[in-house]
Each structure stands twice: as C-alpha cells, then as structure tokens.
Protein backbone atom coordinates (compact mmCIF):
# COMPACT_ATOMS: atom_id res chain seq x y z
CA MET A 1 90.94 140.08 70.74
CA SER A 2 87.52 139.80 71.90
CA MET A 3 86.01 140.56 75.30
CA HIS A 4 85.09 137.22 76.94
CA GLY A 5 86.68 135.36 74.02
CA THR A 6 88.30 132.65 75.86
CA ALA A 7 85.01 132.15 77.73
CA ALA A 8 83.33 131.57 74.32
CA TYR A 9 84.94 128.02 74.27
CA ASN A 10 83.35 126.78 77.41
CA ALA A 11 80.05 126.53 75.26
CA PRO A 12 79.93 123.56 72.64
CA THR A 13 81.52 124.82 69.52
CA GLY A 14 82.18 121.35 67.72
CA PRO A 15 85.42 119.94 67.46
CA LEU A 16 88.67 122.01 67.60
CA PRO A 17 91.80 121.88 65.93
CA PRO A 18 94.55 120.58 68.31
CA LEU A 19 96.74 123.62 68.05
CA VAL A 20 93.42 125.79 69.09
CA GLU A 21 92.79 123.52 71.92
CA ARG A 22 96.28 123.82 73.07
CA ALA A 23 96.14 127.69 72.87
CA VAL A 24 92.77 127.89 74.69
CA HIS A 25 94.24 125.84 77.56
CA ALA A 26 97.00 128.38 77.77
CA ALA A 27 94.95 131.23 77.62
CA ARG A 28 92.66 129.76 80.59
CA GLN A 29 95.86 128.71 82.71
CA HIS A 30 97.20 132.32 82.29
CA GLY A 31 93.82 133.99 83.17
CA PHE A 32 93.67 135.81 79.55
CA GLY A 33 89.92 136.31 78.77
CA TYR A 34 90.26 138.06 75.33
CA SER A 35 91.00 135.53 72.92
CA CYS A 36 89.83 135.14 69.38
CA ARG A 37 86.39 133.84 69.41
CA PRO A 38 85.35 130.63 67.62
CA GLU A 39 83.37 132.41 64.95
CA GLN A 40 86.44 134.42 64.17
CA GLY A 41 88.81 131.47 64.29
CA ARG A 42 86.93 129.55 61.72
CA LEU A 43 86.72 132.34 59.60
CA LEU A 44 90.67 132.83 59.92
CA GLN A 45 91.04 129.07 59.21
CA LEU A 46 89.43 129.30 56.14
CA LEU A 47 91.39 132.35 54.85
CA ALA A 48 94.54 130.91 55.72
CA GLY A 49 93.96 128.22 53.53
CA GLY A 50 94.29 130.54 50.59
CA ALA A 51 98.01 131.96 51.69
CA ARG A 52 100.82 131.15 49.48
CA THR A 53 103.85 132.19 51.27
CA ALA A 54 103.16 134.61 54.47
CA ILE A 55 100.76 135.17 56.93
CA ALA A 56 101.10 137.88 59.72
CA GLU A 57 98.98 138.79 62.93
CA THR A 58 99.10 141.80 65.26
CA GLY A 59 98.05 141.19 69.01
CA THR A 60 99.05 137.35 69.47
CA GLY A 61 97.48 137.28 73.14
CA CYS A 62 98.04 133.65 74.08
CA GLY A 63 98.16 132.26 70.55
CA VAL A 64 94.15 131.31 69.80
CA GLY A 65 93.79 133.45 66.81
CA LEU A 66 97.19 132.30 65.61
CA ALA A 67 96.38 128.67 66.39
CA TRP A 68 93.30 128.84 63.98
CA LEU A 69 95.52 130.61 61.23
CA ALA A 70 98.19 127.78 61.56
CA SER A 71 95.46 125.14 61.56
CA GLY A 72 94.13 126.44 58.11
CA ALA A 73 97.66 127.28 56.56
CA ALA A 74 99.64 125.07 54.20
CA PRO A 75 102.74 123.49 55.79
CA ASP A 76 104.97 125.60 53.72
CA VAL A 77 103.33 128.77 54.73
CA GLU A 78 105.33 131.00 57.08
CA LEU A 79 103.25 132.66 60.08
CA LEU A 80 104.53 135.88 61.88
CA SER A 81 102.48 136.93 65.10
CA VAL A 82 103.70 140.23 67.07
CA GLU A 83 102.55 140.46 70.73
CA ARG A 84 103.93 143.85 72.70
CA ASP A 85 103.40 141.87 76.23
CA PRO A 86 106.30 139.99 77.09
CA ALA A 87 104.33 137.48 79.37
CA ARG A 88 101.81 136.94 76.61
CA ALA A 89 104.55 136.51 73.88
CA LYS A 90 106.28 133.91 75.99
CA VAL A 91 103.02 131.79 76.70
CA ALA A 92 102.17 132.00 72.91
CA ALA A 93 105.76 130.99 71.88
CA ASP A 94 105.55 127.75 74.07
CA VAL A 95 102.42 127.04 72.55
CA PHE A 96 104.07 126.93 69.22
CA ALA A 97 107.16 125.55 70.24
CA ASP A 98 106.94 122.51 68.01
CA VAL A 99 105.54 124.30 65.01
CA PRO A 100 108.52 125.59 63.05
CA GLN A 101 106.57 127.86 60.46
CA VAL A 102 105.11 129.89 63.57
CA ARG A 103 107.11 132.63 64.95
CA VAL A 104 106.02 134.87 67.72
CA VAL A 105 107.92 138.31 68.10
CA CYS A 106 107.38 140.44 71.29
CA ALA A 107 107.29 143.94 69.81
CA ASP A 108 104.93 146.87 68.94
CA TRP A 109 102.80 145.93 65.98
CA THR A 110 104.61 147.92 63.63
CA GLU A 111 107.36 145.16 63.46
CA VAL A 112 105.19 143.47 60.91
CA TYR A 113 106.55 146.00 58.24
CA ALA A 114 110.14 144.39 58.52
CA HIS A 115 108.93 141.11 57.13
CA GLY A 116 106.08 141.63 54.62
CA PRO A 117 104.47 141.77 52.43
CA TYR A 118 101.93 139.02 53.17
CA ASP A 119 98.99 137.15 51.60
CA LEU A 120 97.07 137.22 54.77
CA LEU A 121 97.30 140.22 57.57
CA VAL A 122 95.09 139.79 60.54
CA LEU A 123 94.95 143.06 62.52
CA ASP A 124 94.00 142.42 66.03
CA GLY A 125 96.33 144.20 68.32
CA GLY A 126 97.23 147.43 66.51
CA GLY A 127 97.11 148.71 62.96
CA GLN A 128 93.31 148.66 63.08
CA ALA A 129 92.70 152.52 62.64
CA LYS A 130 90.71 152.13 66.16
CA GLU A 131 93.59 153.82 68.08
CA GLY A 132 97.45 154.09 67.46
CA GLY A 133 97.34 154.45 63.88
CA ALA A 134 96.45 152.34 60.85
CA ALA A 135 98.31 149.88 58.90
CA ASP A 136 99.19 150.51 55.28
CA PRO A 137 97.72 147.42 53.09
CA GLU A 138 99.91 148.81 50.10
CA ARG A 139 102.88 148.04 52.20
CA LEU A 140 102.01 144.96 53.90
CA LEU A 141 99.79 143.01 51.39
CA GLU A 142 100.70 141.42 48.27
CA PRO A 143 98.27 142.41 45.35
CA GLY A 144 95.47 140.29 45.90
CA GLY A 145 96.14 139.77 49.66
CA VAL A 146 93.58 139.83 52.26
CA LEU A 147 93.45 141.86 55.26
CA VAL A 148 91.00 141.08 58.32
CA VAL A 149 90.35 143.45 61.24
CA ASP A 150 88.52 141.59 64.02
CA ASP A 151 86.09 142.56 66.56
CA PHE A 152 83.37 144.89 65.36
CA THR A 153 79.78 144.80 66.02
CA PRO A 154 77.17 144.72 63.06
CA SER A 155 75.83 147.93 62.09
CA ARG A 156 72.84 148.33 59.48
CA THR A 157 73.34 152.34 59.01
CA TRP A 158 75.49 154.09 56.68
CA PRO A 159 77.76 155.57 57.77
CA PRO A 160 78.34 152.58 60.02
CA SER A 161 77.76 153.39 63.69
CA HIS A 162 78.99 152.05 66.97
CA ALA A 163 77.66 153.32 70.32
CA GLY A 164 75.62 155.87 68.68
CA ARG A 165 78.34 157.41 66.72
CA THR A 166 80.05 157.01 63.52
CA ASP A 167 82.48 154.13 63.44
CA THR A 168 85.40 155.85 62.05
CA ALA A 169 87.63 152.74 62.13
CA ARG A 170 85.21 150.85 60.21
CA LEU A 171 84.64 153.42 57.67
CA HIS A 172 88.59 153.89 56.96
CA TRP A 173 88.72 150.03 55.52
CA LEU A 174 85.40 150.24 53.97
CA GLN A 175 86.48 153.23 52.01
CA HIS A 176 90.25 152.51 51.37
CA PRO A 177 90.94 153.02 47.91
CA ALA A 178 93.55 150.32 47.69
CA LEU A 179 91.20 147.62 49.10
CA ARG A 180 87.90 145.84 48.02
CA THR A 181 86.11 145.78 51.46
CA VAL A 182 83.09 143.95 53.03
CA ASP A 183 81.76 144.03 56.58
CA LEU A 184 80.98 140.45 57.44
CA PRO A 185 78.72 139.58 59.98
CA LEU A 186 79.89 136.68 62.11
CA ALA A 187 77.37 136.53 64.81
CA LYS A 188 74.55 138.66 66.30
CA ASP A 189 77.10 140.81 68.34
CA LEU A 190 80.16 140.20 65.84
CA SER A 191 81.46 141.21 62.52
CA ALA A 192 84.65 141.36 60.93
CA ILE A 193 86.13 143.60 58.21
CA VAL A 194 87.62 141.40 55.39
CA ALA A 195 89.46 143.13 52.47
CA VAL A 196 91.16 142.34 49.72
CA ARG A 197 94.11 144.52 48.06
CA ARG A 198 93.13 145.85 44.65
CA THR A 199 95.28 144.36 41.91
CA GLU A 200 94.33 147.01 39.02
CA ALA A 201 96.72 150.12 38.49
C-alpha cells in the first residue's frame, strides 16, 4: 500500500480497467488512502498476464492492487488476497463479488502459505521483510515464479539506503539466494522489487 495511493487516481492516469475503477471508488467511499498507485498497478497487470494457475497478494486494502492483478490475469487463473482488517476485507470482497476467480480472505498474511505455491506473489501487507517477518519464496513460489514487493523509494547507493540508513528489507530480497532480483524504478519517488525464483538446483 502506498501513502496517498488512492489520491494518485485524482490525476490523469489514462483509461483504467473497469475493476480498478470500481476498487478505487470503494477506497474513496470508505476513506482508505493507501491504495496501490497507478504505476504499481500497471506493473502488476502486466506480470499477472504471465501467471499460469495462481496469484496471491498480502494486504488487500480495498482491492485496488488486486483489481489490477485480476484485470491482467487469464480467466482461468485463481487469485487469492489476504487482508487482516475485517472491514477492509468486506469492502474488497464486495468489489469482487461477481468475479468468481478472485477470493478475499480476512486473515494474517501467513494464510498464503496454506494455498500456495503461486506463479505470482505480491507482498503488500505482510511478509515484506520490512517488519513482521519475511515470506519464504521457496515455499510460496513455483520454480520460475515471480515475487513483487511494493513501496520502496529509488536508491542509487550500494548497499541501498532509505532515510539515511541501509535498507535492510530491500537488501534481503536483492541478496536472497533463491531469487534473481531487480530493484525497478517506477517513478521518481517509487520503486518495486521484482524477483524470479531460480529454477536451477
């Protein structure tokens, strides 16, 4: 989730998928400001197109990032999103009430372990290594599966830094032995970790 992410949709962003419009409207109606930004959303939409069977997300919010994922995924791909806040989980479930391949579960982020592995995993509300632990890509991703960790800021230093300190969360993913990882700038103030689980032994 991005600070002021919902407000980012107030600026011209080009045409939005109908599901994304619906989720942004729900976020506005419920005063939720931390939605996935358009730059992140378009990346998620593209990556979802490569999923073969299953996608998961932690941190549903009101469903904006999930809407981008569902808009890019093939109709036979199952999408699971986990949200720990009951009110937000209900809002998001209502957004996708007529989208049978999407399921929103109210639970801690670790619920994703019960349903994996996945072709694409988006860590936006737990498991990011920022706080509360790091997800295990070897348990959660198929070989060749893709991991996305949102809401970093671009860094031109090594090791990467944030607020004048080493960014240990970003470093965790960039140096993870099971992943091939890139820190992808999406805007002047926004970057995302995109990683592929290694297939070699």
